[in-house]
Amino acid sequence: MNVEHRVTVEERGSFSTARCTCGWHAPARRSRDKSRRDAAAHQAEHTPDAH
């Protein structure tokens, strides 16, 4: 089964969270930069030839 991974960073108040269409989500962060890094790491993990 091939699941598409589209990652976004959502902001709620002073927190942001990386979320993916596959159901994955990172912990809420105060650092938007850290949320973007969480998203990029998840995306890279599920991109062919990224290893």
N, C-alpha and C. Protein backbone atom coordinates (compact mmCIF):
# COMPACT_ATOMS: atom_id res chain seq x y z
N MET A 1 0.85 -1.19 0.00
CA MET A 1 0.00 0.00 0.00
C MET A 1 0.89 1.24 0.00
N ASN A 2 0.67 2.11 -0.94
CA ASN A 2 1.47 3.33 -1.08
C ASN A 2 0.65 4.52 -0.59
N VAL A 3 1.07 5.09 0.52
CA VAL A 3 0.36 6.22 1.12
C VAL A 3 1.09 7.50 0.73
N GLU A 4 0.33 8.48 0.27
CA GLU A 4 0.93 9.77 -0.06
C GLU A 4 1.19 10.55 1.22
N HIS A 5 2.33 11.19 1.27
CA HIS A 5 2.71 11.97 2.45
C HIS A 5 2.79 13.44 2.08
N ARG A 6 1.79 14.20 2.50
CA ARG A 6 1.79 15.66 2.34
C ARG A 6 1.80 16.25 3.73
N VAL A 7 2.88 16.93 4.04
CA VAL A 7 3.07 17.45 5.39
C VAL A 7 2.81 18.95 5.41
N THR A 8 2.11 19.39 6.45
CA THR A 8 1.85 20.81 6.66
C THR A 8 2.21 21.15 8.10
N VAL A 9 2.39 22.43 8.35
CA VAL A 9 2.61 22.91 9.71
C VAL A 9 1.43 23.80 10.06
N GLU A 10 0.71 23.41 11.11
CA GLU A 10 -0.46 24.16 11.56
C GLU A 10 -0.10 24.97 12.79
N GLU A 11 -0.65 26.17 12.87
CA GLU A 11 -0.39 27.03 14.03
C GLU A 11 -1.68 27.22 14.83
N ARG A 12 -1.54 27.10 16.14
CA ARG A 12 -2.65 27.36 17.06
C ARG A 12 -2.10 28.16 18.22
N GLY A 13 -2.43 29.40 18.26
CA GLY A 13 -1.90 30.27 19.31
C GLY A 13 -0.40 30.35 19.21
N SER A 14 0.29 30.10 20.30
CA SER A 14 1.75 30.20 20.29
C SER A 14 2.41 28.86 19.97
N PHE A 15 1.63 27.85 19.57
CA PHE A 15 2.16 26.53 19.25
C PHE A 15 1.98 26.21 17.77
N SER A 16 2.86 25.36 17.26
CA SER A 16 2.72 24.84 15.90
C SER A 16 2.95 23.34 15.93
N THR A 17 2.31 22.65 14.98
CA THR A 17 2.41 21.19 14.91
C THR A 17 2.54 20.77 13.45
N ALA A 18 3.48 19.88 13.18
CA ALA A 18 3.60 19.29 11.85
C ALA A 18 2.62 18.13 11.76
N ARG A 19 1.86 18.07 10.66
CA ARG A 19 0.89 16.99 10.44
C ARG A 19 1.02 16.49 9.01
N CYS A 20 0.72 15.20 8.84
CA CYS A 20 0.81 14.58 7.52
C CYS A 20 -0.52 13.95 7.15
N THR A 21 -0.77 13.84 5.85
CA THR A 21 -2.01 13.22 5.38
C THR A 21 -2.08 11.74 5.72
N CYS A 22 -0.95 11.11 6.10
CA CYS A 22 -0.94 9.69 6.47
C CYS A 22 -1.44 9.48 7.89
N GLY A 23 -1.64 10.55 8.66
CA GLY A 23 -2.11 10.44 10.03
C GLY A 23 -1.03 10.76 11.06
N TRP A 24 0.22 10.83 10.63
CA TRP A 24 1.32 11.15 11.53
C TRP A 24 1.22 12.61 11.98
N HIS A 25 1.66 12.88 13.20
CA HIS A 25 1.80 14.27 13.65
C HIS A 25 2.92 14.33 14.68
N ALA A 26 3.59 15.44 14.71
CA ALA A 26 4.67 15.69 15.66
C ALA A 26 4.07 16.35 16.90
N PRO A 27 4.84 16.41 17.97
CA PRO A 27 4.34 17.12 19.16
C PRO A 27 4.22 18.62 18.89
N ALA A 28 3.34 19.26 19.63
CA ALA A 28 3.19 20.71 19.52
C ALA A 28 4.48 21.38 19.99
N ARG A 29 4.90 22.39 19.25
CA ARG A 29 6.15 23.09 19.55
C ARG A 29 5.90 24.58 19.65
N ARG A 30 6.66 25.25 20.50
CA ARG A 30 6.63 26.71 20.52
C ARG A 30 7.49 27.26 19.39
N SER A 31 8.47 26.48 18.96
CA SER A 31 9.37 26.90 17.88
C SER A 31 8.80 26.46 16.52
N ARG A 32 8.41 27.43 15.71
CA ARG A 32 7.91 27.10 14.38
C ARG A 32 9.01 26.46 13.54
N ASP A 33 10.26 26.88 13.76
CA ASP A 33 11.38 26.30 13.03
C ASP A 33 11.50 24.81 13.35
N LYS A 34 11.33 24.43 14.60
CA LYS A 34 11.40 23.02 14.99
C LYS A 34 10.26 22.24 14.35
N SER A 35 9.08 22.81 14.27
CA SER A 35 7.96 22.14 13.61
C SER A 35 8.26 21.93 12.13
N ARG A 36 8.87 22.93 11.49
CA ARG A 36 9.24 22.78 10.08
C ARG A 36 10.29 21.68 9.91
N ARG A 37 11.24 21.58 10.86
CA ARG A 37 12.24 20.51 10.79
C ARG A 37 11.60 19.14 11.02
N ASP A 38 10.63 19.05 11.93
CA ASP A 38 9.89 17.80 12.12
C ASP A 38 9.21 17.38 10.82
N ALA A 39 8.56 18.34 10.17
CA ALA A 39 7.87 18.06 8.91
C ALA A 39 8.84 17.61 7.83
N ALA A 40 9.96 18.30 7.71
CA ALA A 40 10.95 17.96 6.69
C ALA A 40 11.54 16.57 6.94
N ALA A 41 11.77 16.23 8.20
CA ALA A 41 12.32 14.91 8.53
C ALA A 41 11.32 13.80 8.18
N HIS A 42 10.05 14.02 8.47
CA HIS A 42 9.03 13.01 8.14
C HIS A 42 8.93 12.87 6.63
N GLN A 43 8.92 13.98 5.92
CA GLN A 43 8.81 13.95 4.46
C GLN A 43 10.01 13.22 3.86
N ALA A 44 11.20 13.51 4.34
CA ALA A 44 12.41 12.86 3.83
C ALA A 44 12.40 11.36 4.10
N GLU A 45 11.88 10.98 5.24
CA GLU A 45 11.82 9.57 5.61
C GLU A 45 10.94 8.77 4.66
N HIS A 46 9.97 9.43 4.06
CA HIS A 46 9.00 8.75 3.20
C HIS A 46 9.12 9.15 1.73
N THR A 47 10.24 9.73 1.35
CA THR A 47 10.50 10.08 -0.04
C THR A 47 11.43 9.03 -0.64
N PRO A 48 11.04 8.42 -1.76
CA PRO A 48 11.93 7.42 -2.37
C PRO A 48 13.32 8.00 -2.66
N ASP A 49 14.32 7.18 -2.48
CA ASP A 49 15.72 7.55 -2.72
C ASP A 49 16.24 8.62 -1.79
N ALA A 50 15.58 8.83 -0.66
CA ALA A 50 16.03 9.83 0.29
C ALA A 50 17.04 9.25 1.25
N HIS A 51 17.22 7.95 1.23
CA HIS A 51 18.12 7.30 2.20
C HIS A 51 19.50 7.24 1.66
